[in-house]
Amino acid sequence: MPAAAFFDLDKTIIAKSSSLAFTKPFQAGGLINRRAALRSAYAQLVFLTGGADDDQMEKLRQFMSQLVAGWDVATVREVVGETLHHIVVPIVYDEAVTLIEEHQAAGRDVVIVSASGAEVVEPIGELLGADHVIATRLEIVDGKYTGVIDHYVYAEEKARAVRELAEERGYDLAECYGYSDSVTDVPMLAEVGHPFAVNPDKELRKVASARGWPVLVFTRPVTLRSRVPLPSKTTLAALAVGGVLTVGGLVWAGVRRRRADA
């Protein structure tokens, strides 16, 4: 049976929050104000040091929905397409790219599973040569975001999405691999036969120790340009059907880690 390697994105493949990378471009494009930009700067700091429990995540999900309601998809697509080359693309963990290449060489599919928006995750997945991407999606009506989240890929939903893809593609989950940095991804990691904690937060480190999961430490961020060839801006813009969740996640992704210090 075929097998796959399932990767979380932020702080597992990408050295920082993919979501927060869009703060300045969206502010320049008039989509967010200075106050939101300042909140995102704080969120980036918290993202690197803290975590969030389920209640905080739910509040931030609601904030995200309210923030993006009414945004024009075409405008967001344009900003994302231009930004990916300069901001989202630059930093990946060299160790993560090496792992991806090793899994591909072994004949395993590479799947990125992220709570970040599909509009950012899909282009990054394309750049990395991922076979599949599972990410959060927002509802669009008449060319604008309604603020309704169609599919929120978080916690247990990640695990469910992994099971569904495994059934669809015929993966033997016992032979599959999983990589994440967050305790919220324990359900996903528990689905595979070879789970790994990557740069784990405090709670995930405890779980990994209790369950005997290996811990990996990635410390060498490199430019994505130095590891994989980049498609044209036109291709990136087509993949980026809207960068809304990345901005909606200004606080959400940034506060994700606060739980580790609680």
Protein backbone atom coordinates (compact mmCIF):
# COMPACT_ATOMS: atom_id res chain seq x y z
CA MET A 1 0.00 0.00 0.00
CA PRO A 2 1.18 3.57 -0.63
CA ALA A 3 2.21 5.80 2.25
CA ALA A 4 2.54 9.53 2.91
CA ALA A 5 4.32 12.05 5.11
CA PHE A 6 2.01 14.65 6.68
CA PHE A 7 3.59 18.00 7.59
CA ASP A 8 2.25 20.91 9.58
CA LEU A 9 3.46 24.21 8.06
CA ASP A 10 4.29 26.98 10.54
CA LYS A 11 7.41 26.29 12.63
CA THR A 12 7.58 22.82 11.11
CA ILE A 13 8.44 23.68 7.50
CA ILE A 14 8.39 27.47 7.71
CA ALA A 15 10.60 29.09 10.34
CA LYS A 16 7.97 31.65 11.29
CA SER A 17 4.24 32.22 10.87
CA SER A 18 3.17 32.08 7.22
CA SER A 19 0.03 33.95 8.24
CA LEU A 20 1.74 36.97 9.75
CA ALA A 21 3.94 37.52 6.71
CA PHE A 22 1.19 39.48 4.96
CA THR A 23 0.81 42.25 7.51
CA LYS A 24 2.70 45.00 5.70
CA PRO A 25 1.47 44.19 2.17
CA PHE A 26 -2.16 44.15 3.26
CA GLN A 27 -1.71 47.36 5.20
CA ALA A 28 -0.17 48.94 2.11
CA GLY A 29 -3.12 47.65 0.08
CA GLY A 30 -5.58 49.28 2.44
CA LEU A 31 -7.06 46.02 3.72
CA ILE A 32 -5.95 46.41 7.34
CA ASN A 33 -5.31 49.48 9.44
CA ARG A 34 -2.33 50.48 11.56
CA ARG A 35 -3.89 49.08 14.73
CA ALA A 36 -4.26 45.63 13.17
CA ALA A 37 -0.70 45.82 11.89
CA LEU A 38 0.60 46.58 15.37
CA ARG A 39 -1.39 43.68 16.80
CA SER A 40 0.15 41.41 14.21
CA ALA A 41 3.66 42.51 15.13
CA TYR A 42 2.93 41.57 18.73
CA ALA A 43 1.38 38.32 17.55
CA GLN A 44 4.54 37.39 15.68
CA LEU A 45 6.54 37.77 18.90
CA VAL A 46 4.03 35.67 20.84
CA PHE A 47 3.99 33.09 18.06
CA LEU A 48 7.68 32.46 18.54
CA THR A 49 7.43 32.04 22.31
CA GLY A 50 3.89 31.14 23.42
CA GLY A 51 0.73 29.19 22.60
CA ALA A 52 -3.06 29.19 22.78
CA ASP A 53 -5.71 26.96 24.31
CA ASP A 54 -8.93 25.96 22.56
CA ASP A 55 -10.97 28.84 24.01
CA GLN A 56 -8.45 31.39 22.78
CA MET A 57 -8.35 29.75 19.39
CA GLU A 58 -12.13 29.93 19.08
CA LYS A 59 -12.18 33.63 19.97
CA LEU A 60 -9.46 34.30 17.46
CA ARG A 61 -11.27 32.29 14.80
CA GLN A 62 -14.31 34.52 15.31
CA PHE A 63 -12.12 37.62 15.13
CA MET A 64 -10.63 36.35 11.89
CA SER A 65 -14.06 35.83 10.34
CA GLN A 66 -15.26 39.30 11.26
CA LEU A 67 -12.05 40.93 10.03
CA VAL A 68 -12.18 39.59 6.49
CA ALA A 69 -15.93 39.82 5.81
CA GLY A 70 -16.53 41.90 2.70
CA TRP A 71 -12.96 41.83 1.40
CA ASP A 72 -12.67 41.75 -2.38
CA VAL A 73 -11.15 38.47 -3.54
CA ALA A 74 -9.48 39.98 -6.60
CA THR A 75 -7.69 42.59 -4.48
CA VAL A 76 -6.50 39.98 -2.02
CA ARG A 77 -5.37 37.71 -4.84
CA GLU A 78 -3.29 40.49 -6.35
CA VAL A 79 -1.58 41.29 -3.05
CA VAL A 80 -0.87 37.64 -2.30
CA GLY A 81 0.50 36.96 -5.76
CA GLU A 82 2.95 39.84 -5.47
CA THR A 83 3.89 39.09 -1.87
CA LEU A 84 4.67 35.38 -2.15
CA HIS A 85 7.87 36.03 -4.08
CA HIS A 86 9.23 38.39 -1.44
CA ILE A 87 7.74 37.54 1.94
CA VAL A 88 6.10 34.11 2.20
CA VAL A 89 8.66 32.31 0.07
CA PRO A 90 11.91 33.31 1.80
CA ILE A 91 12.32 31.20 4.94
CA VAL A 92 12.04 27.44 5.24
CA TYR A 93 13.87 24.99 7.45
CA ASP A 94 16.63 23.30 5.53
CA GLU A 95 16.03 20.16 7.59
CA ALA A 96 12.36 20.13 6.56
CA VAL A 97 13.16 20.44 2.87
CA THR A 98 15.65 17.59 3.21
CA LEU A 99 13.00 15.43 4.88
CA ILE A 100 10.52 16.21 2.13
CA GLU A 101 13.06 15.20 -0.49
CA GLU A 102 13.85 11.96 1.37
CA HIS A 103 10.19 11.00 1.59
CA GLN A 104 9.68 11.72 -2.08
CA ALA A 105 12.74 9.65 -2.96
CA ALA A 106 11.27 6.79 -0.92
CA GLY A 107 8.07 6.98 -2.96
CA ARG A 108 5.88 8.55 -0.29
CA ASP A 109 3.45 11.35 -1.01
CA VAL A 110 4.09 14.63 0.81
CA VAL A 111 1.00 16.27 2.30
CA ILE A 112 0.92 19.67 4.01
CA VAL A 113 -1.86 19.94 6.60
CA SER A 114 -2.33 23.44 7.99
CA ALA A 115 -4.88 25.57 9.83
CA SER A 116 -3.62 28.51 7.77
CA GLY A 117 -5.55 29.56 4.69
CA ALA A 118 -5.45 27.54 1.50
CA GLU A 119 -4.62 30.73 -0.36
CA VAL A 120 -1.17 30.73 1.26
CA VAL A 121 -0.62 27.04 1.95
CA GLU A 122 -1.36 25.91 -1.60
CA PRO A 123 1.27 28.13 -3.28
CA ILE A 124 3.86 27.12 -0.69
CA GLY A 125 2.94 23.48 -1.21
CA GLU A 126 3.39 23.97 -4.95
CA LEU A 127 6.83 25.46 -4.40
CA LEU A 128 7.86 22.56 -2.18
CA GLY A 129 6.54 19.96 -4.57
CA ALA A 130 3.90 18.66 -2.14
CA ASP A 131 1.48 16.13 -3.59
CA HIS A 132 -1.51 17.36 -1.61
CA VAL A 133 -2.47 20.32 0.57
CA ILE A 134 -5.14 20.34 3.27
CA ALA A 135 -5.89 23.83 4.59
CA THR A 136 -8.62 26.10 5.93
CA ARG A 137 -11.06 27.58 3.39
CA LEU A 138 -13.39 30.58 3.49
CA GLU A 139 -16.73 31.07 1.78
CA ILE A 140 -16.84 33.42 -1.22
CA VAL A 141 -20.04 34.99 -2.58
CA ASP A 142 -20.14 37.44 -5.49
CA GLY A 143 -16.38 37.85 -5.43
CA LYS A 144 -16.18 38.75 -1.75
CA TYR A 145 -15.46 36.87 1.44
CA THR A 146 -18.55 36.44 3.59
CA GLY A 147 -16.64 35.86 6.83
CA VAL A 148 -17.93 32.28 7.03
CA ILE A 149 -15.33 29.53 7.36
CA ASP A 150 -16.26 26.60 5.15
CA HIS A 151 -13.56 24.25 6.43
CA TYR A 152 -11.45 24.91 9.52
CA VAL A 153 -8.48 22.52 9.58
CA TYR A 154 -7.59 22.53 13.25
CA ALA A 155 -6.98 19.91 15.97
CA GLU A 156 -9.37 16.95 15.52
CA GLU A 157 -10.34 18.22 12.08
CA LYS A 158 -6.75 17.74 10.95
CA ALA A 159 -6.90 14.12 12.04
CA ARG A 160 -10.22 13.61 10.25
CA ALA A 161 -8.83 15.15 7.07
CA VAL A 162 -5.80 12.85 7.24
CA ARG A 163 -8.05 9.79 7.60
CA GLU A 164 -10.21 10.88 4.69
CA LEU A 165 -7.25 11.46 2.40
CA ALA A 166 -5.74 8.13 3.45
CA GLU A 167 -8.96 6.36 2.54
CA GLU A 168 -9.18 8.22 -0.76
CA ARG A 169 -5.57 7.58 -1.75
CA GLY A 170 -5.21 4.14 -0.17
CA TYR A 171 -2.49 5.11 2.31
CA ASP A 172 -1.54 2.62 5.00
CA LEU A 173 -1.53 4.99 7.99
CA ALA A 174 0.62 2.57 9.97
CA GLU A 175 3.37 3.22 7.42
CA CYS A 176 2.80 6.97 7.24
CA TYR A 177 4.81 9.76 8.90
CA GLY A 178 3.65 12.90 10.68
CA TYR A 179 5.47 16.10 11.70
CA SER A 180 4.26 19.02 13.83
CA ASP A 181 5.39 21.49 16.46
CA SER A 182 2.08 22.02 18.31
CA VAL A 183 0.19 20.06 20.94
CA THR A 184 -3.00 20.89 19.03
CA ASP A 185 -1.79 18.48 16.35
CA VAL A 186 -1.56 15.45 18.67
CA PRO A 187 -4.73 13.97 17.06
CA MET A 188 -3.09 14.13 13.63
CA LEU A 189 0.21 12.70 14.87
CA ALA A 190 -1.62 9.88 16.63
CA GLU A 191 -3.13 8.78 13.30
CA VAL A 192 0.21 7.75 11.77
CA GLY A 193 2.63 5.00 12.60
CA HIS A 194 5.66 7.30 12.63
CA PRO A 195 4.89 10.59 14.44
CA PHE A 196 7.59 13.20 15.09
CA ALA A 197 7.51 16.31 17.25
CA VAL A 198 9.39 19.13 15.49
CA ASN A 199 10.56 22.08 17.59
CA PRO A 200 7.74 21.11 19.96
CA ASP A 201 5.97 23.44 22.35
CA LYS A 202 6.10 22.50 26.01
CA GLU A 203 2.90 20.46 26.00
CA LEU A 204 3.74 18.54 22.84
CA ARG A 205 7.17 17.75 24.26
CA LYS A 206 5.45 16.18 27.29
CA VAL A 207 3.17 14.12 25.06
CA ALA A 208 6.08 13.02 22.88
CA SER A 209 8.05 11.94 25.95
CA ALA A 210 5.10 9.99 27.36
CA ARG A 211 4.36 8.23 24.06
CA GLY A 212 7.92 7.68 22.95
CA TRP A 213 7.68 9.93 19.89
CA PRO A 214 11.00 11.18 18.51
CA VAL A 215 11.75 14.89 18.84
CA LEU A 216 13.42 16.77 15.99
CA VAL A 217 15.03 20.19 16.33
CA PHE A 218 15.19 22.29 13.16
CA THR A 219 17.57 25.24 13.41
CA ARG A 220 18.71 26.09 9.88
CA PRO A 221 16.27 28.38 8.07
CA VAL A 222 17.23 29.04 4.46
CA THR A 223 15.67 30.89 1.57
CA LEU A 224 13.26 28.74 -0.37
CA ARG A 225 14.89 30.09 -3.51
CA SER A 226 18.11 28.31 -2.56
CA ARG A 227 16.42 24.91 -2.32
CA VAL A 228 13.65 24.75 -4.94
CA PRO A 229 12.95 26.59 -8.23
CA LEU A 230 10.17 29.18 -8.04
CA PRO A 231 7.24 29.46 -10.47
CA SER A 232 6.30 32.75 -12.07
CA LYS A 233 4.31 35.43 -10.27
CA THR A 234 1.38 34.62 -12.57
CA THR A 235 1.38 31.03 -11.35
CA LEU A 236 1.61 32.12 -7.72
CA ALA A 237 -1.23 34.60 -8.16
CA ALA A 238 -3.40 31.91 -9.71
CA LEU A 239 -2.70 29.59 -6.78
CA ALA A 240 -3.33 32.36 -4.26
CA VAL A 241 -7.10 32.58 -4.59
CA GLY A 242 -7.07 35.05 -1.71
CA GLY A 243 -4.83 35.74 1.26
CA VAL A 244 -7.65 36.37 3.65
CA LEU A 245 -6.95 33.80 6.34
CA THR A 246 -3.36 34.90 6.59
CA VAL A 247 -4.47 38.32 7.65
CA GLY A 248 -7.36 36.96 9.64
CA GLY A 249 -4.76 34.95 11.48
CA LEU A 250 -2.74 37.97 12.54
CA VAL A 251 -3.56 37.27 16.13
CA TRP A 252 -4.69 33.65 15.77
CA ALA A 253 -1.43 32.21 14.50
CA GLY A 254 0.64 34.56 16.59
CA VAL A 255 -0.94 33.60 19.87
CA ARG A 256 -1.01 29.91 19.04
CA ARG A 257 1.97 29.12 21.24
CA ARG A 258 1.04 30.94 24.46
CA ARG A 259 -0.19 27.71 26.04
CA ALA A 260 3.37 26.47 26.39
CA ASP A 261 4.20 29.18 28.90
CA ALA A 262 0.89 29.05 30.79
